[in-house]
PDB file of N, CA and C in Angstrom:
ATOM      1  N   MET A   1      11.279   3.687  27.021  1.00  0.00           N
ATOM      2  CA  MET A   1      11.776   3.017  25.857  1.00  0.00           C
ATOM      3  C   MET A   1      10.638   2.172  25.221  1.00  0.00           C
ATOM      4  N   ASN A   2       9.786   1.482  25.987  1.00  0.00           N
ATOM      5  CA  ASN A   2       8.706   0.662  25.469  1.00  0.00           C
ATOM      6  C   ASN A   2       7.660   1.373  24.694  1.00  0.00           C
ATOM      7  N   GLU A   3       7.409   2.683  25.074  1.00  0.00           N
ATOM      8  CA  GLU A   3       6.423   3.386  24.331  1.00  0.00           C
ATOM      9  C   GLU A   3       6.823   3.783  22.931  1.00  0.00           C
ATOM     10  N   ASN A   4       8.097   3.754  22.634  1.00  0.00           N
ATOM     11  CA  ASN A   4       8.582   4.010  21.285  1.00  0.00           C
ATOM     12  C   ASN A   4       8.709   2.819  20.458  1.00  0.00           C
ATOM     13  N   ARG A   5       8.492   1.633  20.946  1.00  0.00           N
ATOM     14  CA  ARG A   5       8.702   0.395  20.247  1.00  0.00           C
ATOM     15  C   ARG A   5       7.626   0.195  19.211  1.00  0.00           C
ATOM     16  N   TYR A   6       6.446   0.558  19.393  1.00  0.00           N
ATOM     17  CA  TYR A   6       5.370   0.344  18.404  1.00  0.00           C
ATOM     18  C   TYR A   6       4.977   1.661  17.806  1.00  0.00           C
ATOM     19  N   TYR A   7       4.498   1.586  16.632  1.00  0.00           N
ATOM     20  CA  TYR A   7       4.134   2.777  15.834  1.00  0.00           C
ATOM     21  C   TYR A   7       2.770   3.271  16.448  1.00  0.00           C
ATOM     22  N   GLN A   8       2.663   4.571  16.779  1.00  0.00           N
ATOM     23  CA  GLN A   8       1.480   5.174  17.289  1.00  0.00           C
ATOM     24  C   GLN A   8       0.932   6.156  16.344  1.00  0.00           C
ATOM     25  N   PRO A   9      -0.141   5.717  15.548  1.00  0.00           N
ATOM     26  CA  PRO A   9      -0.722   6.673  14.583  1.00  0.00           C
ATOM     27  C   PRO A   9      -1.434   7.804  15.215  1.00  0.00           C
ATOM     28  N   LYS A  10      -1.502   8.881  14.516  1.00  0.00           N
ATOM     29  CA  LYS A  10      -2.162  10.139  15.045  1.00  0.00           C
ATOM     30  C   LYS A  10      -3.759   9.970  14.910  1.00  0.00           C
ATOM     31  N   ASP A  11      -4.131   9.403  13.787  1.00  0.00           N
ATOM     32  CA  ASP A  11      -5.575   9.236  13.566  1.00  0.00           C
ATOM     33  C   ASP A  11      -5.805   8.044  12.609  1.00  0.00           C
ATOM     34  N   ALA A  12      -7.119   7.841  12.369  1.00  0.00           N
ATOM     35  CA  ALA A  12      -7.447   6.581  11.513  1.00  0.00           C
ATOM     36  C   ALA A  12      -6.778   6.681  10.130  1.00  0.00           C
ATOM     37  N   LYS A  13      -6.738   7.781   9.547  1.00  0.00           N
ATOM     38  CA  LYS A  13      -6.073   7.872   8.247  1.00  0.00           C
ATOM     39  C   LYS A  13      -4.616   7.503   8.242  1.00  0.00           C
ATOM     40  N   ASP A  14      -3.901   7.970   9.333  1.00  0.00           N
ATOM     41  CA  ASP A  14      -2.542   7.746   9.490  1.00  0.00           C
ATOM     42  C   ASP A  14      -2.333   6.206   9.739  1.00  0.00           C
ATOM     43  N   ALA A  15      -3.176   5.618  10.422  1.00  0.00           N
ATOM     44  CA  ALA A  15      -3.078   4.104  10.715  1.00  0.00           C
ATOM     45  C   ALA A  15      -3.310   3.337   9.408  1.00  0.00           C
ATOM     46  N   LEU A  16      -4.304   3.801   8.627  1.00  0.00           N
ATOM     47  CA  LEU A  16      -4.648   3.133   7.374  1.00  0.00           C
ATOM     48  C   LEU A  16      -3.421   3.236   6.384  1.00  0.00           C
ATOM     49  N   ARG A  17      -2.782   4.407   6.299  1.00  0.00           N
ATOM     50  CA  ARG A  17      -1.692   4.609   5.395  1.00  0.00           C
ATOM     51  C   ARG A  17      -0.503   3.680   5.855  1.00  0.00           C
ATOM     52  N   TYR A  18      -0.311   3.558   7.168  1.00  0.00           N
ATOM     53  CA  TYR A  18       0.803   2.738   7.621  1.00  0.00           C
ATOM     54  C   TYR A  18       0.520   1.235   7.341  1.00  0.00           C
ATOM     55  N   ILE A  19      -0.751   0.773   7.545  1.00  0.00           N
ATOM     56  CA  ILE A  19      -1.055  -0.604   7.300  1.00  0.00           C
ATOM     57  C   ILE A  19      -0.987  -0.849   5.764  1.00  0.00           C
ATOM     58  N   GLU A  20      -1.370   0.132   4.964  1.00  0.00           N
ATOM     59  CA  GLU A  20      -1.276  -0.011   3.490  1.00  0.00           C
ATOM     60  C   GLU A  20       0.209  -0.152   3.057  1.00  0.00           C
ATOM     61  N   GLY A  21       1.116   0.580   3.664  1.00  0.00           N
ATOM     62  CA  GLY A  21       2.539   0.437   3.424  1.00  0.00           C
ATOM     63  C   GLY A  21       3.034  -0.908   3.801  1.00  0.00           C
ATOM     64  N   LEU A  22       2.702  -1.389   4.958  1.00  0.00           N
ATOM     65  CA  LEU A  22       3.079  -2.728   5.356  1.00  0.00           C
ATOM     66  C   LEU A  22       2.547  -3.845   4.310  1.00  0.00           C
ATOM     67  N   PHE A  23       1.287  -3.648   3.996  1.00  0.00           N
ATOM     68  CA  PHE A  23       0.729  -4.566   2.997  1.00  0.00           C
ATOM     69  C   PHE A  23       1.392  -4.636   1.681  1.00  0.00           C
ATOM     70  N   ASN A  24       1.813  -3.379   1.218  1.00  0.00           N
ATOM     71  CA  ASN A  24       2.466  -3.308  -0.105  1.00  0.00           C
ATOM     72  C   ASN A  24       3.881  -3.971  -0.022  1.00  0.00           C
ATOM     73  N   GLN A  25       4.451  -3.979   1.152  1.00  0.00           N
ATOM     74  CA  GLN A  25       5.793  -4.619   1.283  1.00  0.00           C
ATOM     75  C   GLN A  25       5.773  -6.145   1.071  1.00  0.00           C
ATOM     76  N   TYR A  26       4.673  -6.816   1.434  1.00  0.00           N
ATOM     77  CA  TYR A  26       4.664  -8.225   1.276  1.00  0.00           C
ATOM     78  C   TYR A  26       3.676  -8.791   0.169  1.00  0.00           C
ATOM     79  N   LEU A  27       3.213  -7.894  -0.674  1.00  0.00           N
ATOM     80  CA  LEU A  27       2.231  -8.298  -1.654  1.00  0.00           C
ATOM     81  C   LEU A  27       2.782  -9.443  -2.519  1.00  0.00           C
ATOM     82  N   GLN A  28       3.983  -9.421  -2.999  1.00  0.00           N
ATOM     83  CA  GLN A  28       4.529 -10.377  -3.905  1.00  0.00           C
ATOM     84  C   GLN A  28       5.329 -11.509  -3.171  1.00  0.00           C
ATOM     85  N   ALA A  29       5.389 -11.472  -1.840  1.00  0.00           N
ATOM     86  CA  ALA A  29       6.117 -12.473  -1.101  1.00  0.00           C
ATOM     87  C   ALA A  29       5.500 -13.878  -1.276  1.00  0.00           C
ATOM     88  N   PRO A  30       6.347 -14.945  -1.196  1.00  0.00           N
ATOM     89  CA  PRO A  30       5.735 -16.200  -1.213  1.00  0.00           C
ATOM     90  C   PRO A  30       4.779 -16.492  -0.023  1.00  0.00           C
ATOM     91  N   LEU A  31       3.677 -17.157  -0.267  1.00  0.00           N
ATOM     92  CA  LEU A  31       2.669 -17.330   0.783  1.00  0.00           C
ATOM     93  C   LEU A  31       3.107 -18.411   1.781  1.00  0.00           C
ATOM     94  N   THR A  32       3.240 -18.006   3.011  1.00  0.00           N
ATOM     95  CA  THR A  32       3.581 -18.952   4.063  1.00  0.00           C
ATOM     96  C   THR A  32       2.577 -18.889   5.176  1.00  0.00           C
ATOM     97  N   MET A  33       2.595 -19.776   6.095  1.00  0.00           N
ATOM     98  CA  MET A  33       1.532 -19.714   7.187  1.00  0.00           C
ATOM     99  C   MET A  33       1.755 -18.471   8.076  1.00  0.00           C
ATOM    100  N   GLU A  34       3.074 -18.096   8.240  1.00  0.00           N
ATOM    101  CA  GLU A  34       3.409 -16.919   9.022  1.00  0.00           C
ATOM    102  C   GLU A  34       2.893 -15.723   8.422  1.00  0.00           C
ATOM    103  N   LEU A  35       3.062 -15.596   7.005  1.00  0.00           N
ATOM    104  CA  LEU A  35       2.495 -14.401   6.324  1.00  0.00           C
ATOM    105  C   LEU A  35       0.980 -14.323   6.346  1.00  0.00           C
ATOM    106  N   VAL A  36       0.315 -15.453   6.271  1.00  0.00           N
ATOM    107  CA  VAL A  36      -1.150 -15.481   6.340  1.00  0.00           C
ATOM    108  C   VAL A  36      -1.661 -15.011   7.652  1.00  0.00           C
ATOM    109  N   SER A  37      -0.996 -15.491   8.791  1.00  0.00           N
ATOM    110  CA  SER A  37      -1.389 -15.092  10.065  1.00  0.00           C
ATOM    111  C   SER A  37      -1.168 -13.628  10.380  1.00  0.00           C
ATOM    112  N   TYR A  38       0.003 -13.124   9.809  1.00  0.00           N
ATOM    113  CA  TYR A  38       0.310 -11.639   9.934  1.00  0.00           C
ATOM    114  C   TYR A  38      -0.730 -10.896   9.149  1.00  0.00           C
ATOM    115  N   HIS A  39      -1.058 -11.292   7.984  1.00  0.00           N
ATOM    116  CA  HIS A  39      -2.060 -10.689   7.171  1.00  0.00           C
ATOM    117  C   HIS A  39      -3.423 -10.573   7.945  1.00  0.00           C
ATOM    118  N   GLN A  40      -3.802 -11.758   8.507  1.00  0.00           N
ATOM    119  CA  GLN A  40      -5.066 -11.728   9.273  1.00  0.00           C
ATOM    120  C   GLN A  40      -4.949 -10.773  10.486  1.00  0.00           C
ATOM    121  N   LYS A  41      -3.877 -10.716  11.082  1.00  0.00           N
ATOM    122  CA  LYS A  41      -3.651  -9.819  12.294  1.00  0.00           C
ATOM    123  C   LYS A  41      -3.897  -8.396  11.823  1.00  0.00           C
ATOM    124  N   LEU A  42      -3.335  -8.009  10.582  1.00  0.00           N
ATOM    125  CA  LEU A  42      -3.523  -6.603  10.108  1.00  0.00           C
ATOM    126  C   LEU A  42      -4.964  -6.320   9.838  1.00  0.00           C
ATOM    127  N   ILE A  43      -5.696  -7.329   9.219  1.00  0.00           N
ATOM    128  CA  ILE A  43      -7.110  -7.165   8.891  1.00  0.00           C
ATOM    129  C   ILE A  43      -7.861  -7.008  10.205  1.00  0.00           C
ATOM    130  N   LYS A  44      -7.565  -7.765  11.258  1.00  0.00           N
ATOM    131  CA  LYS A  44      -8.243  -7.687  12.564  1.00  0.00           C
ATOM    132  C   LYS A  44      -7.952  -6.358  13.192  1.00  0.00           C
ATOM    133  N   GLN A  45      -6.690  -5.821  13.044  1.00  0.00           N
ATOM    134  CA  GLN A  45      -6.374  -4.514  13.598  1.00  0.00           C
ATOM    135  C   GLN A  45      -7.203  -3.435  12.981  1.00  0.00           C
ATOM    136  N   ILE A  46      -7.411  -3.527  11.654  1.00  0.00           N
ATOM    137  CA  ILE A  46      -8.265  -2.523  10.965  1.00  0.00           C
ATOM    138  C   ILE A  46      -9.702  -2.552  11.537  1.00  0.00           C
ATOM    139  N   GLN A  47     -10.192  -3.793  11.568  1.00  0.00           N
ATOM    140  CA  GLN A  47     -11.627  -3.927  11.990  1.00  0.00           C
ATOM    141  C   GLN A  47     -11.866  -3.581  13.527  1.00  0.00           C
ATOM    142  N   GLU A  48     -10.927  -3.928  14.352  1.00  0.00           N
ATOM    143  CA  GLU A  48     -11.104  -3.711  15.763  1.00  0.00           C
ATOM    144  C   GLU A  48     -10.643  -2.422  16.285  1.00  0.00           C
ATOM    145  N   ASP A  49      -9.641  -1.815  15.640  1.00  0.00           N
ATOM    146  CA  ASP A  49      -9.026  -0.594  16.130  1.00  0.00           C
ATOM    147  C   ASP A  49      -9.347   0.714  15.351  1.00  0.00           C
ATOM    148  N   VAL A  50      -9.031   0.562  13.959  1.00  0.00           N
ATOM    149  CA  VAL A  50      -9.163   1.614  13.059  1.00  0.00           C
ATOM    150  C   VAL A  50     -10.585   2.028  12.820  1.00  0.00           C
ATOM    151  N   LEU A  51     -11.412   1.071  12.493  1.00  0.00           N
ATOM    152  CA  LEU A  51     -12.807   1.324  12.080  1.00  0.00           C
ATOM    153  C   LEU A  51     -13.572   2.041  13.282  1.00  0.00           C
ATOM    154  N   PRO A  52     -13.486   1.465  14.571  1.00  0.00           N
ATOM    155  CA  PRO A  52     -14.237   2.139  15.649  1.00  0.00           C
ATOM    156  C   PRO A  52     -13.717   3.512  15.930  1.00  0.00           C
ATOM    157  N   THR A  53     -12.379   3.727  15.801  1.00  0.00           N
ATOM    158  CA  THR A  53     -11.778   5.038  15.945  1.00  0.00           C
ATOM    159  C   THR A  53     -12.291   6.037  14.950  1.00  0.00           C
ATOM    160  N   ALA A  54     -12.417   5.574  13.750  1.00  0.00           N
ATOM    161  CA  ALA A  54     -12.947   6.484  12.634  1.00  0.00           C
ATOM    162  C   ALA A  54     -14.326   6.792  12.805  1.00  0.00           C
ATOM    163  N   GLN A  55     -15.175   5.711  13.319  1.00  0.00           N
ATOM    164  CA  GLN A  55     -16.612   5.961  13.567  1.00  0.00           C
ATOM    165  C   GLN A  55     -16.801   6.905  14.708  1.00  0.00           C
ATOM    166  N   LYS A  56     -16.030   6.796  15.769  1.00  0.00           N
ATOM    167  CA  LYS A  56     -16.141   7.699  16.967  1.00  0.00           C
ATOM    168  C   LYS A  56     -15.742   9.115  16.586  1.00  0.00           C
ATOM    169  N   ALA A  57     -14.817   9.275  15.697  1.00  0.00           N
ATOM    170  CA  ALA A  57     -14.318  10.632  15.329  1.00  0.00           C
ATOM    171  C   ALA A  57     -15.262  11.216  14.317  1.00  0.00           C
ATOM    172  N   GLY A  58     -16.229  10.465  13.826  1.00  0.00           N
ATOM    173  CA  GLY A  58     -17.228  10.994  12.854  1.00  0.00           C
ATOM    174  C   GLY A  58     -16.590  11.210  11.488  1.00  0.00           C
ATOM    175  N   GLN A  59     -15.732  10.259  10.983  1.00  0.00           N
ATOM    176  CA  GLN A  59     -15.082  10.442   9.778  1.00  0.00           C
ATOM    177  C   GLN A  59     -15.558   9.342   8.750  1.00  0.00           C
ATOM    178  N   PRO A  60     -16.693   9.649   8.044  1.00  0.00           N
ATOM    179  CA  PRO A  60     -17.229   8.632   7.137  1.00  0.00           C
ATOM    180  C   PRO A  60     -16.272   8.289   5.994  1.00  0.00           C
ATOM    181  N   ALA A  61     -15.455   9.185   5.620  1.00  0.00           N
ATOM    182  CA  ALA A  61     -14.521   8.914   4.502  1.00  0.00           C
ATOM    183  C   ALA A  61     -13.456   7.833   4.940  1.00  0.00           C
ATOM    184  N   GLN A  62     -12.971   7.965   6.221  1.00  0.00           N
ATOM    185  CA  GLN A  62     -12.041   6.991   6.703  1.00  0.00           C
ATOM    186  C   GLN A  62     -12.645   5.641   6.981  1.00  0.00           C
ATOM    187  N   VAL A  63     -13.978   5.658   7.356  1.00  0.00           N
ATOM    188  CA  VAL A  63     -14.705   4.421   7.529  1.00  0.00           C
ATOM    189  C   VAL A  63     -14.802   3.665   6.195  1.00  0.00           C
ATOM    190  N   ALA A  64     -15.169   4.428   5.169  1.00  0.00           N
ATOM    191  CA  ALA A  64     -15.157   3.820   3.805  1.00  0.00           C
ATOM    192  C   ALA A  64     -13.828   3.347   3.384  1.00  0.00           C
ATOM    193  N   ASN A  65     -12.773   4.118   3.641  1.00  0.00           N
ATOM    194  CA  ASN A  65     -11.399   3.735   3.218  1.00  0.00           C
ATOM    195  C   ASN A  65     -10.966   2.408   3.993  1.00  0.00           C
ATOM    196  N   ALA A  66     -11.338   2.386   5.297  1.00  0.00           N
ATOM    197  CA  ALA A  66     -11.027   1.205   6.048  1.00  0.00           C
ATOM    198  C   ALA A  66     -11.706  -0.052   5.505  1.00  0.00           C
ATOM    199  N   ASN A  67     -12.968   0.062   5.201  1.00  0.00           N
ATOM    200  CA  ASN A  67     -13.719  -1.065   4.578  1.00  0.00           C
ATOM    201  C   ASN A  67     -13.129  -1.493   3.265  1.00  0.00           C
ATOM    202  N   GLN A  68     -12.813  -0.469   2.481  1.00  0.00           N
ATOM    203  CA  GLN A  68     -12.258  -0.690   1.093  1.00  0.00           C
ATOM    204  C   GLN A  68     -10.927  -1.422   1.215  1.00  0.00           C
ATOM    205  N   LEU A  69     -10.093  -1.045   2.271  1.00  0.00           N
ATOM    206  CA  LEU A  69      -8.799  -1.697   2.424  1.00  0.00           C
ATOM    207  C   LEU A  69      -8.988  -3.150   2.954  1.00  0.00           C
ATOM    208  N   VAL A  70      -9.881  -3.335   3.832  1.00  0.00           N
ATOM    209  CA  VAL A  70     -10.105  -4.738   4.360  1.00  0.00           C
ATOM    210  C   VAL A  70     -10.664  -5.640   3.109  1.00  0.00           C
ATOM    211  N   ASP A  71     -11.499  -5.061   2.293  1.00  0.00           N
ATOM    212  CA  ASP A  71     -11.993  -5.833   1.115  1.00  0.00           C
ATOM    213  C   ASP A  71     -10.784  -6.159   0.179  1.00  0.00           C
ATOM    214  N   THR A  72      -9.946  -5.235  -0.024  1.00  0.00           N
ATOM    215  CA  THR A  72      -8.809  -5.473  -0.918  1.00  0.00           C
ATOM    216  C   THR A  72      -7.872  -6.558  -0.256  1.00  0.00           C
ATOM    217  N   MET A  73      -7.691  -6.481   0.951  1.00  0.00           N
ATOM    218  CA  MET A  73      -6.825  -7.474   1.608  1.00  0.00           C
ATOM    219  C   MET A  73      -7.444  -8.857   1.581  1.00  0.00           C
ATOM    220  N   HIS A  74      -8.716  -8.940   1.732  1.00  0.00           N
ATOM    221  CA  HIS A  74      -9.395 -10.268   1.625  1.00  0.00           C
ATOM    222  C   HIS A  74      -9.284 -10.786   0.185  1.00  0.00           C
ATOM    223  N   ASP A  75      -9.437  -9.888  -0.844  1.00  0.00           N
ATOM    224  CA  ASP A  75      -9.261 -10.281  -2.193  1.00  0.00           C
ATOM    225  C   ASP A  75      -7.799 -10.784  -2.452  1.00  0.00           C
ATOM    226  N   TRP A  76      -6.857 -10.120  -1.871  1.00  0.00           N
ATOM    227  CA  TRP A  76      -5.471 -10.571  -2.077  1.00  0.00           C
ATOM    228  C   TRP A  76      -5.282 -11.983  -1.574  1.00  0.00           C
ATOM    229  N   LEU A  77      -5.821 -12.243  -0.368  1.00  0.00           N
ATOM    230  CA  LEU A  77      -5.636 -13.504   0.234  1.00  0.00           C
ATOM    231  C   LEU A  77      -6.310 -14.622  -0.602  1.00  0.00           C
ATOM    232  N   ARG A  78      -7.544 -14.324  -1.079  1.00  0.00           N
ATOM    233  CA  ARG A  78      -8.224 -15.205  -1.923  1.00  0.00           C
ATOM    234  C   ARG A  78      -7.491 -15.527  -3.175  1.00  0.00           C
ATOM    235  N   ILE A  79      -6.963 -14.516  -3.872  1.00  0.00           N
ATOM    236  CA  ILE A  79      -6.231 -14.674  -5.137  1.00  0.00           C
ATOM    237  C   ILE A  79      -4.963 -15.439  -4.893  1.00  0.00           C
ATOM    238  N   ARG A  80      -4.221 -15.098  -3.874  1.00  0.00           N
ATOM    239  CA  ARG A  80      -2.943 -15.859  -3.539  1.00  0.00           C
ATOM    240  C   ARG A  80      -3.180 -17.244  -3.116  1.00  0.00           C
ATOM    241  N   MET A  81      -4.285 -17.532  -2.377  1.00  0.00           N
ATOM    242  CA  MET A  81      -4.607 -18.916  -1.989  1.00  0.00           C
ATOM    243  C   MET A  81      -4.919 -19.748  -3.233  1.00  0.00           C
ATOM    244  N   ASN A  82      -5.395 -19.177  -4.241  1.00  0.00           N
ATOM    245  CA  ASN A  82      -5.723 -19.927  -5.444  1.00  0.00           C
ATOM    246  C   ASN A  82      -4.507 -20.026  -6.287  1.00  0.00           C
ATOM    247  N   GLY A  83      -3.309 -19.664  -5.877  1.00  0.00           N
ATOM    248  CA  GLY A  83      -2.132 -19.807  -6.567  1.00  0.00           C
ATOM    249  C   GLY A  83      -1.893 -18.817  -7.722  1.00  0.00           C
ATOM    250  N   GLN A  84      -2.621 -17.769  -7.780  1.00  0.00           N
ATOM    251  CA  GLN A  84      -2.458 -16.749  -8.825  1.00  0.00           C
ATOM    252  C   GLN A  84      -1.599 -15.620  -8.317  1.00  0.00           C
ATOM    253  N   PRO A  85      -0.911 -14.964  -9.196  1.00  0.00           N
ATOM    254  CA  PRO A  85      -0.145 -13.779  -8.816  1.00  0.00           C
ATOM    255  C   PRO A  85      -1.083 -12.525  -8.555  1.00  0.00           C
ATOM    256  N   TYR A  86      -0.611 -11.643  -7.773  1.00  0.00           N
ATOM    257  CA  TYR A  86      -1.357 -10.438  -7.531  1.00  0.00           C
ATOM    258  C   TYR A  86      -0.640  -9.315  -8.287  1.00  0.00           C
ATOM    259  N   ALA A  87      -1.070  -9.028  -9.477  1.00  0.00           N
ATOM    260  CA  ALA A  87      -0.350  -8.075 -10.316  1.00  0.00           C
ATOM    261  C   ALA A  87      -0.776  -6.632 -10.140  1.00  0.00           C
ATOM    262  N   GLY A  88      -0.185  -6.052  -9.056  1.00  0.00           N
ATOM    263  CA  GLY A  88      -0.523  -4.686  -8.801  1.00  0.00           C
ATOM    264  C   GLY A  88      -0.122  -4.318  -7.325  1.00  0.00           C
ATOM    265  N   LYS A  89      -0.587  -3.215  -6.895  1.00  0.00           N
ATOM    266  CA  LYS A  89      -0.364  -2.812  -5.516  1.00  0.00           C
ATOM    267  C   LYS A  89      -1.447  -2.015  -4.960  1.00  0.00           C
ATOM    268  N   VAL A  90      -1.445  -1.579  -3.761  1.00  0.00           N
ATOM    269  CA  VAL A  90      -2.560  -0.861  -3.187  1.00  0.00           C
ATOM    270  C   VAL A  90      -2.154   0.643  -3.054  1.00  0.00           C
ATOM    271  N   ARG A  91      -2.950   1.472  -3.635  1.00  0.00           N
ATOM    272  CA  ARG A  91      -2.723   2.900  -3.602  1.00  0.00           C
ATOM    273  C   ARG A  91      -4.028   3.577  -3.164  1.00  0.00           C
ATOM    274  N   HIS A  92      -4.013   4.412  -2.245  1.00  0.00           N
ATOM    275  CA  HIS A  92      -5.200   5.089  -1.745  1.00  0.00           C
ATOM    276  C   HIS A  92      -6.240   4.125  -1.401  1.00  0.00           C
ATOM    277  N   PHE A  93      -5.784   2.971  -0.633  1.00  0.00           N
ATOM    278  CA  PHE A  93      -6.590   1.962  -0.115  1.00  0.00           C
ATOM    279  C   PHE A  93      -7.408   1.190  -1.029  1.00  0.00           C
ATOM    280  N   GLN A  94      -6.960   1.109  -2.275  1.00  0.00           N
ATOM    281  CA  GLN A  94      -7.608   0.230  -3.235  1.00  0.00           C
ATOM    282  C   GLN A  94      -6.568  -0.317  -4.223  1.00  0.00           C
ATOM    283  N   PHE A  95      -6.896  -1.417  -4.888  1.00  0.00           N
ATOM    284  CA  PHE A  95      -5.996  -2.102  -5.756  1.00  0.00           C
ATOM    285  C   PHE A  95      -5.812  -1.343  -7.078  1.00  0.00           C
ATOM    286  N   VAL A  96      -4.562  -1.214  -7.470  1.00  0.00           N
ATOM    287  CA  VAL A  96      -4.184  -0.569  -8.727  1.00  0.00           C
ATOM    288  C   VAL A  96      -3.358  -1.488  -9.476  1.00  0.00           C
ATOM    289  N   ALA A  97      -3.764  -1.960 -10.698  1.00  0.00           N
ATOM    290  CA  ALA A  97      -3.044  -2.922 -11.498  1.00  0.00           C
ATOM    291  C   ALA A  97      -1.666  -2.338 -11.932  1.00  0.00           C
ATOM    292  N   ASP A  98      -0.722  -3.138 -12.166  1.00  0.00           N
ATOM    293  CA  ASP A  98       0.621  -2.699 -12.580  1.00  0.00           C
ATOM    294  C   ASP A  98       0.546  -1.972 -13.892  1.00  0.00           C
ATOM    295  N   ASP A  99      -0.354  -2.388 -14.791  1.00  0.00           N
ATOM    296  CA  ASP A  99      -0.400  -1.821 -16.112  1.00  0.00           C
ATOM    297  C   ASP A  99      -1.346  -0.619 -16.170  1.00  0.00           C
ATOM    298  N   ALA A 100      -1.928  -0.245 -15.049  1.00  0.00           N
ATOM    299  CA  ALA A 100      -2.937   0.827 -15.134  1.00  0.00           C
ATOM    300  C   ALA A 100      -2.317   2.179 -15.003  1.00  0.00           C
ATOM    301  N   ARG A 101      -1.071   2.262 -14.459  1.00  0.00           N
ATOM    302  CA  ARG A 101      -0.405   3.544 -14.359  1.00  0.00           C
ATOM    303  C   ARG A 101       0.418   3.840 -15.531  1.00  0.00           C
ATOM    304  N   PRO A 102       0.508   5.117 -15.966  1.00  0.00           N
ATOM    305  CA  PRO A 102       1.242   5.450 -17.190  1.00  0.00           C
ATOM    306  C   PRO A 102       2.773   5.299 -16.978  1.00  0.00           C
ATOM    307  N   LYS A 103       3.420   4.790 -18.000  1.00  0.00           N
ATOM    308  CA  LYS A 103       4.912   4.657 -17.999  1.00  0.00           C
ATOM    309  C   LYS A 103       5.498   5.891 -18.700  1.00  0.00           C
ATOM    310  N   PHE A 104       6.455   6.562 -18.114  1.00  0.00           N
ATOM    311  CA  PHE A 104       7.098   7.747 -18.782  1.00  0.00           C
ATOM    312  C   PHE A 104       8.411   7.310 -19.281  1.00  0.00           C
ATOM    313  N   LYS A 105       8.693   7.667 -20.493  1.00  0.00           N
ATOM    314  CA  LYS A 105       9.944   7.409 -21.112  1.00  0.00           C
ATOM    315  C   LYS A 105      10.840   8.596 -20.890  1.00  0.00           C
ATOM    316  N   ARG A 106      12.158   8.302 -20.732  1.00  0.00           N
ATOM    317  CA  ARG A 106      13.159   9.385 -20.634  1.00  0.00           C
ATOM    318  C   ARG A 106      14.201   9.088 -21.610  1.00  0.00           C
ATOM    319  N   LYS A 107      14.626  10.121 -22.443  1.00  0.00           N
ATOM    320  CA  LYS A 107      15.649   9.984 -23.324  1.00  0.00           C
ATOM    321  C   LYS A 107      16.774  10.858 -22.816  1.00  0.00           C
ATOM    322  N   VAL A 108      17.895  10.285 -22.567  1.00  0.00           N
ATOM    323  CA  VAL A 108      19.052  11.040 -22.107  1.00  0.00           C
ATOM    324  C   VAL A 108      20.002  11.247 -23.315  1.00  0.00           C
ATOM    325  N   LEU A 109      20.325  12.520 -23.553  1.00  0.00           N
ATOM    326  CA  LEU A 109      21.194  12.837 -24.628  1.00  0.00           C
ATOM    327  C   LEU A 109      22.589  13.277 -24.053  1.00  0.00           C
ATOM    328  N   LYS A 110      23.571  12.671 -24.557  1.00  0.00           N
ATOM    329  CA  LYS A 110      25.014  13.056 -24.255  1.00  0.00           C
ATOM    330  C   LYS A 110      25.539  13.856 -25.381  1.00  0.00           C
ATOM    331  N   GLY A 111      26.098  14.979 -25.020  1.00  0.00           N
ATOM    332  CA  GLY A 111      26.723  15.805 -26.072  1.00  0.00           C
ATOM    333  C   GLY A 111      28.143  16.094 -25.638  1.00  0.00           C
ATOM    334  N   ARG A 112      28.692  17.088 -26.297  1.00  0.00           N
ATOM    335  CA  ARG A 112      30.084  17.463 -26.004  1.00  0.00           C
ATOM    336  C   ARG A 112      30.196  18.452 -24.886  1.00  0.00           C
ATOM    337  N   ARG A 113      29.041  18.876 -24.392  1.00  0.00           N
ATOM    338  CA  ARG A 113      29.044  19.883 -23.296  1.00  0.00           C
ATOM    339  C   ARG A 113      29.432  19.215 -21.990  1.00  0.00           C
ATOM    340  N   SER A 114      29.890  20.039 -21.181  1.00  0.00           N
ATOM    341  CA  SER A 114      30.153  19.628 -19.831  1.00  0.00           C
ATOM    342  C   SER A 114      28.829  19.363 -19.059  1.00  0.00           C
ATOM    343  N   GLY A 115      28.894  18.554 -18.046  1.00  0.00           N
ATOM    344  CA  GLY A 115      27.629  18.276 -17.296  1.00  0.00           C
ATOM    345  C   GLY A 115      27.140  16.959 -17.558  1.00  0.00           C
ATOM    346  N   GLY A 116      27.757  16.157 -18.404  1.00  0.00           N
ATOM    347  CA  GLY A 116      27.394  14.834 -18.663  1.00  0.00           C
ATOM    348  C   GLY A 116      26.160  14.579 -19.439  1.00  0.00           C
ATOM    349  N   HIS A 117      24.986  14.726 -18.801  1.00  0.00           N
ATOM    350  CA  HIS A 117      23.714  14.435 -19.502  1.00  0.00           C
ATOM    351  C   HIS A 117      22.865  15.673 -19.576  1.00  0.00           C
ATOM    352  N   ARG A 118      21.995  15.622 -20.587  1.00  0.00           N
ATOM    353  CA  ARG A 118      20.925  16.711 -20.653  1.00  0.00           C
ATOM    354  C   ARG A 118      19.619  15.957 -20.775  1.00  0.00           C
ATOM    355  N   SER A 119      18.603  16.454 -20.244  1.00  0.00           N
ATOM    356  CA  SER A 119      17.323  15.740 -20.334  1.00  0.00           C
ATOM    357  C   SER A 119      16.679  15.923 -21.635  1.00  0.00           C
ATOM    358  N   THR A 120      16.825  17.058 -22.225  1.00  0.00           N
ATOM    359  CA  THR A 120      16.313  17.314 -23.616  1.00  0.00           C
ATOM    360  C   THR A 120      17.405  18.019 -24.481  1.00  0.00           C
ATOM    361  N   HIS A 121      17.181  17.962 -25.764  1.00  0.00           N
ATOM    362  CA  HIS A 121      18.103  18.549 -26.672  1.00  0.00           C
ATOM    363  C   HIS A 121      17.517  19.866 -27.221  1.00  0.00           C
ATOM    364  N   HIS A 122      18.175  20.951 -26.884  1.00  0.00           N
ATOM    365  CA  HIS A 122      17.696  22.183 -27.484  1.00  0.00           C
ATOM    366  C   HIS A 122      18.695  22.858 -28.364  1.00  0.00           C
ATOM    367  N   GLY A 123      18.526  22.732 -29.708  1.00  0.00           N
ATOM    368  CA  GLY A 123      19.391  23.377 -30.633  1.00  0.00           C
ATOM    369  C   GLY A 123      20.387  22.568 -31.206  1.00  0.00           C
TER     370      GLY A 123
END
């Protein structure tokens, strides 16, 4: 039962994706001492576990991704400690601003036909 308690990543990339997901969950949360210590623990985990694993496996791309994620996490802490909002999230181990991604508009047309909604109007 104890071996299933903690997440066991398959490789360095899997571990980085998992940490990125955890990081994105608390990006906008209020800054508390518990959150800062948790954040520092995640950074330490990348530096002491993920980086050496990627280096041993000979994965230069994952080493670069891990360093990039650590830099992004340090930036987040610096920005939040200064009392500023962090307007964005982390995708592919780097910061992406909220307004950098395209927004898609959807127009739903309701007609007399059955089926309720149609995505587009033909005819």
